[in-house]
Amino acid sequence: MWNDHELTKMVDGGVPFHMAADQAGNVGRAYGVWDENQGIEMRGRFIIDPDGVIQAMEVLTPPVGRKFAETVRQIQAFQLVRETKGAEATPAGWEPGEMTLKPGPDMVGKIWEVWNPKMEK
């Protein structure tokens, strides 16, 4: 309902991934976002990889909204890391096409020599 009546007006073409409704609260209970007292779910966003592993989660109280573009950016970052089998990591605020990091022992304590967010954009 929310996607059909709200998100499609805010996001061209609607949300490009599956969302689920959970009126009975079963999924909300499983993920720890069901409020028993109010009988509703808190605003929860979970990014789950193809193997069923939660890669990211965010839970907000109802008065605070989320930024859809940030969710998409995080999905793109997780996809890149998965595609490279962890050979590349995305620094804070990374956007598609920007520099990635090559994780490993030689990067420990030296990230700022390679990447400085103050220099970007």
PDB file of N, CA and C in Angstrom:
ATOM      1  N   MET A   1       0.819  -1.188   0.000  1.00  0.00           N
ATOM      2  CA  MET A   1       0.000   0.000   0.000  1.00  0.00           C
ATOM      3  C   MET A   1       0.870   1.263   0.000  1.00  0.00           C
ATOM      4  N   TRP A   2       1.882   1.274   0.896  1.00  0.00           N
ATOM      5  CA  TRP A   2       2.757   2.441   0.999  1.00  0.00           C
ATOM      6  C   TRP A   2       3.511   2.654  -0.306  1.00  0.00           C
ATOM      7  N   ASN A   3       4.031   1.581  -0.903  1.00  0.00           N
ATOM      8  CA  ASN A   3       4.737   1.693  -2.176  1.00  0.00           C
ATOM      9  C   ASN A   3       3.797   2.186  -3.268  1.00  0.00           C
ATOM     10  N   ASP A   4       2.615   1.577  -3.362  1.00  0.00           N
ATOM     11  CA  ASP A   4       1.675   1.917  -4.434  1.00  0.00           C
ATOM     12  C   ASP A   4       1.170   3.351  -4.357  1.00  0.00           C
ATOM     13  N   HIS A   5       0.917   3.842  -3.150  1.00  0.00           N
ATOM     14  CA  HIS A   5       0.294   5.156  -2.997  1.00  0.00           C
ATOM     15  C   HIS A   5       1.239   6.278  -2.631  1.00  0.00           C
ATOM     16  N   GLU A   6       2.414   5.955  -2.128  1.00  0.00           N
ATOM     17  CA  GLU A   6       3.344   7.005  -1.698  1.00  0.00           C
ATOM     18  C   GLU A   6       4.675   6.953  -2.447  1.00  0.00           C
ATOM     19  N   LEU A   7       5.377   5.828  -2.341  1.00  0.00           N
ATOM     20  CA  LEU A   7       6.722   5.755  -2.919  1.00  0.00           C
ATOM     21  C   LEU A   7       6.735   5.955  -4.425  1.00  0.00           C
ATOM     22  N   THR A   8       5.743   5.451  -5.128  1.00  0.00           N
ATOM     23  CA  THR A   8       5.740   5.622  -6.579  1.00  0.00           C
ATOM     24  C   THR A   8       5.646   7.096  -6.970  1.00  0.00           C
ATOM     25  N   LYS A   9       5.157   7.934  -6.064  1.00  0.00           N
ATOM     26  CA  LYS A   9       5.100   9.374  -6.325  1.00  0.00           C
ATOM     27  C   LYS A   9       6.434  10.044  -6.010  1.00  0.00           C
ATOM     28  N   MET A  10       7.245   9.403  -5.143  1.00  0.00           N
ATOM     29  CA  MET A  10       8.515   9.996  -4.726  1.00  0.00           C
ATOM     30  C   MET A  10       9.702   9.417  -5.487  1.00  0.00           C
ATOM     31  N   VAL A  11       9.579   8.176  -5.962  1.00  0.00           N
ATOM     32  CA  VAL A  11      10.669   7.481  -6.632  1.00  0.00           C
ATOM     33  C   VAL A  11      10.185   7.081  -8.016  1.00  0.00           C
ATOM     34  N   ASP A  12      10.802   7.645  -9.055  1.00  0.00           N
ATOM     35  CA  ASP A  12      10.392   7.308 -10.425  1.00  0.00           C
ATOM     36  C   ASP A  12      10.409   5.802 -10.634  1.00  0.00           C
ATOM     37  N   GLY A  13       9.286   5.248 -11.045  1.00  0.00           N
ATOM     38  CA  GLY A  13       9.194   3.820 -11.307  1.00  0.00           C
ATOM     39  C   GLY A  13       8.992   2.974 -10.065  1.00  0.00           C
ATOM     40  N   GLY A  14       8.902   3.596  -8.893  1.00  0.00           N
ATOM     41  CA  GLY A  14       8.718   2.850  -7.654  1.00  0.00           C
ATOM     42  C   GLY A  14      10.036   2.295  -7.140  1.00  0.00           C
ATOM     43  N   VAL A  15       9.954   1.536  -6.090  1.00  0.00           N
ATOM     44  CA  VAL A  15      11.136   0.967  -5.450  1.00  0.00           C
ATOM     45  C   VAL A  15      11.680  -0.175  -6.305  1.00  0.00           C
ATOM     46  N   PRO A  16      12.991  -0.164  -6.618  1.00  0.00           N
ATOM     47  CA  PRO A  16      13.556  -1.176  -7.511  1.00  0.00           C
ATOM     48  C   PRO A  16      13.934  -2.493  -6.829  1.00  0.00           C
ATOM     49  N   PHE A  17      13.309  -2.800  -5.701  1.00  0.00           N
ATOM     50  CA  PHE A  17      13.557  -4.068  -5.023  1.00  0.00           C
ATOM     51  C   PHE A  17      12.295  -4.465  -4.278  1.00  0.00           C
ATOM     52  N   HIS A  18      12.244  -5.696  -3.829  1.00  0.00           N
ATOM     53  CA  HIS A  18      11.059  -6.218  -3.163  1.00  0.00           C
ATOM     54  C   HIS A  18      10.916  -5.674  -1.751  1.00  0.00           C
ATOM     55  N   MET A  19       9.679  -5.383  -1.396  1.00  0.00           N
ATOM     56  CA  MET A  19       9.348  -5.015  -0.028  1.00  0.00           C
ATOM     57  C   MET A  19       8.227  -5.950   0.406  1.00  0.00           C
ATOM     58  N   ALA A  20       8.104  -6.140   1.700  1.00  0.00           N
ATOM     59  CA  ALA A  20       7.077  -7.053   2.207  1.00  0.00           C
ATOM     60  C   ALA A  20       6.191  -6.338   3.213  1.00  0.00           C
ATOM     61  N   ALA A  21       4.925  -6.728   3.252  1.00  0.00           N
ATOM     62  CA  ALA A  21       3.998  -6.244   4.270  1.00  0.00           C
ATOM     63  C   ALA A  21       3.876  -7.332   5.337  1.00  0.00           C
ATOM     64  N   ASP A  22       3.652  -6.910   6.570  1.00  0.00           N
ATOM     65  CA  ASP A  22       3.622  -7.862   7.682  1.00  0.00           C
ATOM     66  C   ASP A  22       2.562  -7.446   8.693  1.00  0.00           C
ATOM     67  N   GLN A  23       1.309  -7.475   8.274  1.00  0.00           N
ATOM     68  CA  GLN A  23       0.235  -7.001   9.147  1.00  0.00           C
ATOM     69  C   GLN A  23       0.123  -7.796  10.440  1.00  0.00           C
ATOM     70  N   ALA A  24       0.456  -9.070  10.452  1.00  0.00           N
ATOM     71  CA  ALA A  24       0.361  -9.894  11.662  1.00  0.00           C
ATOM     72  C   ALA A  24       1.557  -9.689  12.589  1.00  0.00           C
ATOM     73  N   GLY A  25       2.631  -9.074  12.087  1.00  0.00           N
ATOM     74  CA  GLY A  25       3.794  -8.801  12.917  1.00  0.00           C
ATOM     75  C   GLY A  25       4.762  -9.956  13.074  1.00  0.00           C
ATOM     76  N   ASN A  26       4.581 -11.017  12.320  1.00  0.00           N
ATOM     77  CA  ASN A  26       5.464 -12.186  12.462  1.00  0.00           C
ATOM     78  C   ASN A  26       6.909 -11.873  12.084  1.00  0.00           C
ATOM     79  N   VAL A  27       7.096 -11.211  10.967  1.00  0.00           N
ATOM     80  CA  VAL A  27       8.450 -10.861  10.539  1.00  0.00           C
ATOM     81  C   VAL A  27       9.027  -9.800  11.476  1.00  0.00           C
ATOM     82  N   GLY A  28       8.203  -8.842  11.865  1.00  0.00           N
ATOM     83  CA  GLY A  28       8.643  -7.811  12.801  1.00  0.00           C
ATOM     84  C   GLY A  28       9.133  -8.386  14.117  1.00  0.00           C
ATOM     85  N   ARG A  29       8.441  -9.389  14.617  1.00  0.00           N
ATOM     86  CA  ARG A  29       8.892 -10.057  15.848  1.00  0.00           C
ATOM     87  C   ARG A  29      10.232 -10.762  15.613  1.00  0.00           C
ATOM     88  N   ALA A  30      10.351 -11.447  14.492  1.00  0.00           N
ATOM     89  CA  ALA A  30      11.589 -12.179  14.193  1.00  0.00           C
ATOM     90  C   ALA A  30      12.787 -11.241  14.089  1.00  0.00           C
ATOM     91  N   TYR A  31      12.570 -10.033  13.586  1.00  0.00           N
ATOM     92  CA  TYR A  31      13.668  -9.078  13.419  1.00  0.00           C
ATOM     93  C   TYR A  31      13.766  -8.077  14.571  1.00  0.00           C
ATOM     94  N   GLY A  32      12.918  -8.221  15.564  1.00  0.00           N
ATOM     95  CA  GLY A  32      13.000  -7.375  16.745  1.00  0.00           C
ATOM     96  C   GLY A  32      12.496  -5.960  16.565  1.00  0.00           C
ATOM     97  N   VAL A  33      11.578  -5.727  15.620  1.00  0.00           N
ATOM     98  CA  VAL A  33      11.064  -4.378  15.396  1.00  0.00           C
ATOM     99  C   VAL A  33       9.563  -4.265  15.684  1.00  0.00           C
ATOM    100  N   TRP A  34       8.970  -5.310  16.233  1.00  0.00           N
ATOM    101  CA  TRP A  34       7.533  -5.301  16.530  1.00  0.00           C
ATOM    102  C   TRP A  34       7.315  -4.678  17.905  1.00  0.00           C
ATOM    103  N   ASP A  35       6.447  -3.690  17.981  1.00  0.00           N
ATOM    104  CA  ASP A  35       6.086  -3.047  19.244  1.00  0.00           C
ATOM    105  C   ASP A  35       4.800  -3.701  19.740  1.00  0.00           C
ATOM    106  N   GLU A  36       4.928  -4.589  20.726  1.00  0.00           N
ATOM    107  CA  GLU A  36       3.775  -5.331  21.258  1.00  0.00           C
ATOM    108  C   GLU A  36       2.712  -4.396  21.827  1.00  0.00           C
ATOM    109  N   ASN A  37       3.141  -3.328  22.484  1.00  0.00           N
ATOM    110  CA  ASN A  37       2.181  -2.413  23.119  1.00  0.00           C
ATOM    111  C   ASN A  37       1.300  -1.703  22.109  1.00  0.00           C
ATOM    112  N   GLN A  38       1.879  -1.305  20.993  1.00  0.00           N
ATOM    113  CA  GLN A  38       1.116  -0.575  19.984  1.00  0.00           C
ATOM    114  C   GLN A  38       0.585  -1.479  18.875  1.00  0.00           C
ATOM    115  N   GLY A  39       1.112  -2.705  18.791  1.00  0.00           N
ATOM    116  CA  GLY A  39       0.676  -3.619  17.742  1.00  0.00           C
ATOM    117  C   GLY A  39       1.124  -3.195  16.356  1.00  0.00           C
ATOM    118  N   ILE A  40       2.284  -2.536  16.290  1.00  0.00           N
ATOM    119  CA  ILE A  40       2.832  -2.076  15.000  1.00  0.00           C
ATOM    120  C   ILE A  40       4.331  -2.348  14.963  1.00  0.00           C
ATOM    121  N   GLU A  41       4.882  -2.263  13.785  1.00  0.00           N
ATOM    122  CA  GLU A  41       6.326  -2.395  13.627  1.00  0.00           C
ATOM    123  C   GLU A  41       6.971  -1.020  13.614  1.00  0.00           C
ATOM    124  N   MET A  42       8.160  -0.946  14.222  1.00  0.00           N
ATOM    125  CA  MET A  42       8.957   0.268  14.102  1.00  0.00           C
ATOM    126  C   MET A  42       9.496   0.288  12.675  1.00  0.00           C
ATOM    127  N   ARG A  43       9.946   1.416  12.230  1.00  0.00           N
ATOM    128  CA  ARG A  43      10.496   1.519  10.882  1.00  0.00           C
ATOM    129  C   ARG A  43      11.833   0.808  10.831  1.00  0.00           C
ATOM    130  N   GLY A  44      11.832  -0.341  10.215  1.00  0.00           N
ATOM    131  CA  GLY A  44      13.054  -1.108  10.095  1.00  0.00           C
ATOM    132  C   GLY A  44      13.428  -1.324   8.642  1.00  0.00           C
ATOM    133  N   ARG A  45      14.720  -1.222   8.358  1.00  0.00           N
ATOM    134  CA  ARG A  45      15.234  -1.488   7.014  1.00  0.00           C
ATOM    135  C   ARG A  45      16.361  -2.480   7.175  1.00  0.00           C
ATOM    136  N   PHE A  46      16.244  -3.588   6.457  1.00  0.00           N
ATOM    137  CA  PHE A  46      17.244  -4.643   6.533  1.00  0.00           C
ATOM    138  C   PHE A  46      17.718  -4.945   5.123  1.00  0.00           C
ATOM    139  N   ILE A  47      19.024  -4.919   4.919  1.00  0.00           N
ATOM    140  CA  ILE A  47      19.592  -5.304   3.633  1.00  0.00           C
ATOM    141  C   ILE A  47      20.107  -6.723   3.817  1.00  0.00           C
ATOM    142  N   ILE A  48      19.493  -7.648   3.074  1.00  0.00           N
ATOM    143  CA  ILE A  48      19.798  -9.066   3.210  1.00  0.00           C
ATOM    144  C   ILE A  48      20.399  -9.550   1.898  1.00  0.00           C
ATOM    145  N   ASP A  49      21.567 -10.175   1.978  1.00  0.00           N
ATOM    146  CA  ASP A  49      22.245 -10.621   0.758  1.00  0.00           C
ATOM    147  C   ASP A  49      21.607 -11.899   0.202  1.00  0.00           C
ATOM    148  N   PRO A  50      22.008 -12.301  -0.999  1.00  0.00           N
ATOM    149  CA  PRO A  50      21.411 -13.498  -1.621  1.00  0.00           C
ATOM    150  C   PRO A  50      21.577 -14.779  -0.803  1.00  0.00           C
ATOM    151  N   ASP A  51      22.523 -14.780   0.144  1.00  0.00           N
ATOM    152  CA  ASP A  51      22.713 -15.949   1.004  1.00  0.00           C
ATOM    153  C   ASP A  51      21.838 -15.896   2.253  1.00  0.00           C
ATOM    154  N   GLY A  52      21.025 -14.839   2.378  1.00  0.00           N
ATOM    155  CA  GLY A  52      20.145 -14.703   3.534  1.00  0.00           C
ATOM    156  C   GLY A  52      20.805 -14.072   4.747  1.00  0.00           C
ATOM    157  N   VAL A  53      21.983 -13.469   4.562  1.00  0.00           N
ATOM    158  CA  VAL A  53      22.714 -12.851   5.668  1.00  0.00           C
ATOM    159  C   VAL A  53      22.378 -11.354   5.719  1.00  0.00           C
ATOM    160  N   ILE A  54      22.008 -10.880   6.907  1.00  0.00           N
ATOM    161  CA  ILE A  54      21.753  -9.447   7.071  1.00  0.00           C
ATOM    162  C   ILE A  54      23.087  -8.713   6.992  1.00  0.00           C
ATOM    163  N   GLN A  55      23.200  -7.824   6.014  1.00  0.00           N
ATOM    164  CA  GLN A  55      24.417  -7.034   5.840  1.00  0.00           C
ATOM    165  C   GLN A  55      24.300  -5.666   6.503  1.00  0.00           C
ATOM    166  N   ALA A  56      23.075  -5.154   6.612  1.00  0.00           N
ATOM    167  CA  ALA A  56      22.863  -3.846   7.241  1.00  0.00           C
ATOM    168  C   ALA A  56      21.458  -3.785   7.785  1.00  0.00           C
ATOM    169  N   MET A  57      21.298  -3.010   8.842  1.00  0.00           N
ATOM    170  CA  MET A  57      19.965  -2.786   9.380  1.00  0.00           C
ATOM    171  C   MET A  57      19.906  -1.404  10.007  1.00  0.00           C
ATOM    172  N   GLU A  58      18.721  -0.842   9.964  1.00  0.00           N
ATOM    173  CA  GLU A  58      18.486   0.464  10.556  1.00  0.00           C
ATOM    174  C   GLU A  58      17.065   0.453  11.104  1.00  0.00           C
ATOM    175  N   VAL A  59      16.901   0.878  12.336  1.00  0.00           N
ATOM    176  CA  VAL A  59      15.579   0.941  12.953  1.00  0.00           C
ATOM    177  C   VAL A  59      15.384   2.348  13.483  1.00  0.00           C
ATOM    178  N   LEU A  60      14.315   2.985  13.047  1.00  0.00           N
ATOM    179  CA  LEU A  60      14.022   4.353  13.455  1.00  0.00           C
ATOM    180  C   LEU A  60      12.635   4.433  14.076  1.00  0.00           C
ATOM    181  N   THR A  61      12.441   5.389  14.964  1.00  0.00           N
ATOM    182  CA  THR A  61      11.113   5.622  15.509  1.00  0.00           C
ATOM    183  C   THR A  61      10.278   6.321  14.438  1.00  0.00           C
ATOM    184  N   PRO A  62       8.952   6.172  14.493  1.00  0.00           N
ATOM    185  CA  PRO A  62       8.093   6.701  13.422  1.00  0.00           C
ATOM    186  C   PRO A  62       8.271   8.168  13.047  1.00  0.00           C
ATOM    187  N   PRO A  63       8.618   9.087  13.959  1.00  0.00           N
ATOM    188  CA  PRO A  63       8.715  10.475  13.521  1.00  0.00           C
ATOM    189  C   PRO A  63       9.903  10.780  12.598  1.00  0.00           C
ATOM    190  N   VAL A  64      10.858   9.864  12.490  1.00  0.00           N
ATOM    191  CA  VAL A  64      12.064  10.134  11.696  1.00  0.00           C
ATOM    192  C   VAL A  64      12.017   9.320  10.415  1.00  0.00           C
ATOM    193  N   GLY A  65      12.125   9.995   9.297  1.00  0.00           N
ATOM    194  CA  GLY A  65      12.096   9.322   8.003  1.00  0.00           C
ATOM    195  C   GLY A  65      13.467   8.868   7.567  1.00  0.00           C
ATOM    196  N   ARG A  66      13.468   8.034   6.540  1.00  0.00           N
ATOM    197  CA  ARG A  66      14.717   7.529   5.986  1.00  0.00           C
ATOM    198  C   ARG A  66      14.983   8.193   4.647  1.00  0.00           C
ATOM    199  N   LYS A  67      16.219   8.124   4.211  1.00  0.00           N
ATOM    200  CA  LYS A  67      16.592   8.681   2.912  1.00  0.00           C
ATOM    201  C   LYS A  67      16.746   7.521   1.933  1.00  0.00           C
ATOM    202  N   PHE A  68      15.843   7.442   0.986  1.00  0.00           N
ATOM    203  CA  PHE A  68      15.822   6.328   0.039  1.00  0.00           C
ATOM    204  C   PHE A  68      17.130   6.222  -0.731  1.00  0.00           C
ATOM    205  N   ALA A  69      17.692   7.359  -1.130  1.00  0.00           N
ATOM    206  CA  ALA A  69      18.941   7.341  -1.895  1.00  0.00           C
ATOM    207  C   ALA A  69      20.070   6.673  -1.108  1.00  0.00           C
ATOM    208  N   GLU A  70      20.068   6.813   0.209  1.00  0.00           N
ATOM    209  CA  GLU A  70      21.106   6.182   1.021  1.00  0.00           C
ATOM    210  C   GLU A  70      20.930   4.668   1.029  1.00  0.00           C
ATOM    211  N   THR A  71      19.703   4.204   1.054  1.00  0.00           N
ATOM    212  CA  THR A  71      19.453   2.763   0.989  1.00  0.00           C
ATOM    213  C   THR A  71      19.972   2.200  -0.327  1.00  0.00           C
ATOM    214  N   VAL A  72      19.674   2.871  -1.428  1.00  0.00           N
ATOM    215  CA  VAL A  72      20.138   2.425  -2.747  1.00  0.00           C
ATOM    216  C   VAL A  72      21.664   2.446  -2.797  1.00  0.00           C
ATOM    217  N   ARG A  73      22.286   3.499  -2.257  1.00  0.00           N
ATOM    218  CA  ARG A  73      23.753   3.600  -2.246  1.00  0.00           C
ATOM    219  C   ARG A  73      24.362   2.432  -1.475  1.00  0.00           C
ATOM    220  N   GLN A  74      23.780   2.101  -0.342  1.00  0.00           N
ATOM    221  CA  GLN A  74      24.307   0.989   0.441  1.00  0.00           C
ATOM    222  C   GLN A  74      24.144  -0.338  -0.291  1.00  0.00           C
ATOM    223  N   ILE A  75      23.019  -0.543  -0.929  1.00  0.00           N
ATOM    224  CA  ILE A  75      22.821  -1.777  -1.706  1.00  0.00           C
ATOM    225  C   ILE A  75      23.881  -1.869  -2.796  1.00  0.00           C
ATOM    226  N   GLN A  76      24.143  -0.759  -3.495  1.00  0.00           N
ATOM    227  CA  GLN A  76      25.166  -0.760  -4.545  1.00  0.00           C
ATOM    228  C   GLN A  76      26.542  -1.068  -3.962  1.00  0.00           C
ATOM    229  N   ALA A  77      26.828  -0.544  -2.788  1.00  0.00           N
ATOM    230  CA  ALA A  77      28.124  -0.802  -2.146  1.00  0.00           C
ATOM    231  C   ALA A  77      28.245  -2.278  -1.770  1.00  0.00           C
ATOM    232  N   PHE A  78      27.200  -2.838  -1.176  1.00  0.00           N
ATOM    233  CA  PHE A  78      27.238  -4.262  -0.815  1.00  0.00           C
ATOM    234  C   PHE A  78      27.357  -5.138  -2.058  1.00  0.00           C
ATOM    235  N   GLN A  79      26.699  -4.754  -3.139  1.00  0.00           N
ATOM    236  CA  GLN A  79      26.803  -5.524  -4.382  1.00  0.00           C
ATOM    237  C   GLN A  79      28.229  -5.493  -4.919  1.00  0.00           C
ATOM    238  N   LEU A  80      28.870  -4.328  -4.883  1.00  0.00           N
ATOM    239  CA  LEU A  80      30.246  -4.218  -5.369  1.00  0.00           C
ATOM    240  C   LEU A  80      31.185  -5.085  -4.527  1.00  0.00           C
ATOM    241  N   VAL A  81      31.057  -5.006  -3.221  1.00  0.00           N
ATOM    242  CA  VAL A  81      31.918  -5.799  -2.339  1.00  0.00           C
ATOM    243  C   VAL A  81      31.692  -7.285  -2.605  1.00  0.00           C
ATOM    244  N   ARG A  82      30.452  -7.678  -2.797  1.00  0.00           N
ATOM    245  CA  ARG A  82      30.139  -9.091  -3.070  1.00  0.00           C
ATOM    246  C   ARG A  82      30.726  -9.522  -4.416  1.00  0.00           C
ATOM    247  N   GLU A  83      30.561  -8.681  -5.449  1.00  0.00           N
ATOM    248  CA  GLU A  83      31.073  -9.000  -6.787  1.00  0.00           C
ATOM    249  C   GLU A  83      32.591  -9.179  -6.778  1.00  0.00           C
ATOM    250  N   THR A  84      33.290  -8.391  -5.944  1.00  0.00           N
ATOM    251  CA  THR A  84      34.754  -8.467  -5.897  1.00  0.00           C
ATOM    252  C   THR A  84      35.226  -9.471  -4.844  1.00  0.00           C
ATOM    253  N   LYS A  85      34.274 -10.188  -4.245  1.00  0.00           N
ATOM    254  CA  LYS A  85      34.582 -11.177  -3.201  1.00  0.00           C
ATOM    255  C   LYS A  85      35.419 -10.576  -2.072  1.00  0.00           C
ATOM    256  N   GLY A  86      35.127  -9.314  -1.752  1.00  0.00           N
ATOM    257  CA  GLY A  86      35.812  -8.641  -0.655  1.00  0.00           C
ATOM    258  C   GLY A  86      37.156  -8.041  -1.006  1.00  0.00           C
ATOM    259  N   ALA A  87      37.545  -8.116  -2.272  1.00  0.00           N
ATOM    260  CA  ALA A  87      38.827  -7.536  -2.683  1.00  0.00           C
ATOM    261  C   ALA A  87      38.770  -6.006  -2.701  1.00  0.00           C
ATOM    262  N   GLU A  88      37.565  -5.446  -2.733  1.00  0.00           N
ATOM    263  CA  GLU A  88      37.387  -4.005  -2.686  1.00  0.00           C
ATOM    264  C   GLU A  88      36.432  -3.672  -1.551  1.00  0.00           C
ATOM    265  N   ALA A  89      36.680  -2.558  -0.887  1.00  0.00           N
ATOM    266  CA  ALA A  89      35.812  -2.058   0.169  1.00  0.00           C
ATOM    267  C   ALA A  89      35.408  -0.637  -0.190  1.00  0.00           C
ATOM    268  N   THR A  90      34.235  -0.240   0.225  1.00  0.00           N
ATOM    269  CA  THR A  90      33.755   1.107  -0.074  1.00  0.00           C
ATOM    270  C   THR A  90      33.896   1.984   1.160  1.00  0.00           C
ATOM    271  N   PRO A  91      34.630   3.094   1.054  1.00  0.00           N
ATOM    272  CA  PRO A  91      34.787   3.979   2.205  1.00  0.00           C
ATOM    273  C   PRO A  91      33.479   4.719   2.516  1.00  0.00           C
ATOM    274  N   ALA A  92      33.443   5.391   3.644  1.00  0.00           N
ATOM    275  CA  ALA A  92      32.258   6.138   4.064  1.00  0.00           C
ATOM    276  C   ALA A  92      31.828   7.113   2.973  1.00  0.00           C
ATOM    277  N   GLY A  93      30.539   7.124   2.690  1.00  0.00           N
ATOM    278  CA  GLY A  93      30.004   8.041   1.696  1.00  0.00           C
ATOM    279  C   GLY A  93      30.284   7.653   0.257  1.00  0.00           C
ATOM    280  N   TRP A  94      30.871   6.484   0.032  1.00  0.00           N
ATOM    281  CA  TRP A  94      31.204   6.030  -1.311  1.00  0.00           C
ATOM    282  C   TRP A  94      29.979   6.082  -2.214  1.00  0.00           C
ATOM    283  N   GLU A  95      30.194   6.479  -3.454  1.00  0.00           N
ATOM    284  CA  GLU A  95      29.166   6.469  -4.502  1.00  0.00           C
ATOM    285  C   GLU A  95      29.701   5.647  -5.667  1.00  0.00           C
ATOM    286  N   PRO A  96      28.808   5.004  -6.434  1.00  0.00           N
ATOM    287  CA  PRO A  96      29.264   4.222  -7.590  1.00  0.00           C
ATOM    288  C   PRO A  96      30.177   5.044  -8.498  1.00  0.00           C
ATOM    289  N   GLY A  97      31.274   4.426  -8.904  1.00  0.00           N
ATOM    290  CA  GLY A  97      32.247   5.086  -9.771  1.00  0.00           C
ATOM    291  C   GLY A  97      33.384   5.746  -9.010  1.00  0.00           C
ATOM    292  N   GLU A  98      33.217   5.913  -7.702  1.00  0.00           N
ATOM    293  CA  GLU A  98      34.281   6.523  -6.909  1.00  0.00           C
ATOM    294  C   GLU A  98      35.313   5.478  -6.503  1.00  0.00           C
ATOM    295  N   MET A  99      36.407   5.967  -5.959  1.00  0.00           N
ATOM    296  CA  MET A  99      37.509   5.125  -5.526  1.00  0.00           C
ATOM    297  C   MET A  99      37.064   4.134  -4.453  1.00  0.00           C
ATOM    298  N   THR A 100      37.602   2.932  -4.535  1.00  0.00           N
ATOM    299  CA  THR A 100      37.385   1.935  -3.492  1.00  0.00           C
ATOM    300  C   THR A 100      38.717   1.678  -2.799  1.00  0.00           C
ATOM    301  N   LEU A 101      38.664   0.944  -1.722  1.00  0.00           N
ATOM    302  CA  LEU A 101      39.878   0.587  -0.986  1.00  0.00           C
ATOM    303  C   LEU A 101      40.151  -0.897  -1.168  1.00  0.00           C
ATOM    304  N   LYS A 102      41.393  -1.270  -1.099  1.00  0.00           N
ATOM    305  CA  LYS A 102      41.809  -2.668  -1.185  1.00  0.00           C
ATOM    306  C   LYS A 102      42.168  -3.118   0.230  1.00  0.00           C
ATOM    307  N   PRO A 103      41.238  -3.793   0.923  1.00  0.00           N
ATOM    308  CA  PRO A 103      41.516  -4.160   2.310  1.00  0.00           C
ATOM    309  C   PRO A 103      42.649  -5.164   2.436  1.00  0.00           C
ATOM    310  N   GLY A 104      43.372  -5.066   3.522  1.00  0.00           N
ATOM    311  CA  GLY A 104      44.472  -5.986   3.794  1.00  0.00           C
ATOM    312  C   GLY A 104      45.360  -5.435   4.875  1.00  0.00           C
ATOM    313  N   PRO A 105      46.299  -6.243   5.342  1.00  0.00           N
ATOM    314  CA  PRO A 105      47.188  -5.822   6.436  1.00  0.00           C
ATOM    315  C   PRO A 105      47.985  -4.563   6.116  1.00  0.00           C
ATOM    316  N   ASP A 106      48.344  -4.364   4.849  1.00  0.00           N
ATOM    317  CA  ASP A 106      49.144  -3.189   4.488  1.00  0.00           C
ATOM    318  C   ASP A 106      48.357  -1.883   4.600  1.00  0.00           C
ATOM    319  N   MET A 107      47.004  -1.966   4.707  1.00  0.00           N
ATOM    320  CA  MET A 107      46.181  -0.760   4.845  1.00  0.00           C
ATOM    321  C   MET A 107      45.998  -0.347   6.305  1.00  0.00           C
ATOM    322  N   VAL A 108      46.299  -1.227   7.240  1.00  0.00           N
ATOM    323  CA  VAL A 108      46.073  -0.934   8.656  1.00  0.00           C
ATOM    324  C   VAL A 108      46.864   0.307   9.069  1.00  0.00           C
ATOM    325  N   GLY A 109      46.142   1.290   9.559  1.00  0.00           N
ATOM    326  CA  GLY A 109      46.768   2.538   9.994  1.00  0.00           C
ATOM    327  C   GLY A 109      47.190   3.464   8.878  1.00  0.00           C
ATOM    328  N   LYS A 110      46.886   3.123   7.627  1.00  0.00           N
ATOM    329  CA  LYS A 110      47.339   3.938   6.495  1.00  0.00           C
ATOM    330  C   LYS A 110      46.192   4.369   5.577  1.00  0.00           C
ATOM    331  N   ILE A 111      44.954   4.148   5.991  1.00  0.00           N
ATOM    332  CA  ILE A 111      43.821   4.492   5.126  1.00  0.00           C
ATOM    333  C   ILE A 111      43.853   5.963   4.744  1.00  0.00           C
ATOM    334  N   TRP A 112      44.200   6.839   5.692  1.00  0.00           N
ATOM    335  CA  TRP A 112      44.194   8.273   5.398  1.00  0.00           C
ATOM    336  C   TRP A 112      45.265   8.672   4.394  1.00  0.00           C
ATOM    337  N   GLU A 113      46.269   7.825   4.176  1.00  0.00           N
ATOM    338  CA  GLU A 113      47.253   8.110   3.130  1.00  0.00           C
ATOM    339  C   GLU A 113      46.658   7.864   1.748  1.00  0.00           C
ATOM    340  N   VAL A 114      45.641   6.988   1.684  1.00  0.00           N
ATOM    341  CA  VAL A 114      45.032   6.604   0.409  1.00  0.00           C
ATOM    342  C   VAL A 114      43.730   7.351   0.162  1.00  0.00           C
ATOM    343  N   TRP A 115      42.946   7.528   1.217  1.00  0.00           N
ATOM    344  CA  TRP A 115      41.598   8.093   1.072  1.00  0.00           C
ATOM    345  C   TRP A 115      41.355   9.144   2.136  1.00  0.00           C
ATOM    346  N   ASN A 116      40.936  10.332   1.716  1.00  0.00           N
ATOM    347  CA  ASN A 116      40.598  11.399   2.623  1.00  0.00           C
ATOM    348  C   ASN A 116      39.268  11.985   2.173  1.00  0.00           C
ATOM    349  N   PRO A 117      38.202  11.780   2.943  1.00  0.00           N
ATOM    350  CA  PRO A 117      36.891  12.266   2.499  1.00  0.00           C
ATOM    351  C   PRO A 117      36.806  13.772   2.334  1.00  0.00           C
ATOM    352  N   LYS A 118      37.675  14.530   2.970  1.00  0.00           N
ATOM    353  CA  LYS A 118      37.669  15.989   2.828  1.00  0.00           C
ATOM    354  C   LYS A 118      38.118  16.399   1.425  1.00  0.00           C
ATOM    355  N   MET A 119      38.843  15.512   0.754  1.00  0.00           N
ATOM    356  CA  MET A 119      39.360  15.824  -0.583  1.00  0.00           C
ATOM    357  C   MET A 119      38.332  15.488  -1.672  1.00  0.00           C
ATOM    358  N   GLU A 120      37.328  14.648  -1.344  1.00  0.00           N
ATOM    359  CA  GLU A 120      36.356  14.230  -2.352  1.00  0.00           C
ATOM    360  C   GLU A 120      35.349  15.331  -2.638  1.00  0.00           C
ATOM    361  N   LYS A 121      34.838  15.301  -3.836  1.00  0.00           N
ATOM    362  CA  LYS A 121      33.761  16.171  -4.316  1.00  0.00           C
ATOM    363  C   LYS A 121      34.160  17.570  -4.179  1.00  0.00           C
TER     364      LYS A 121
END
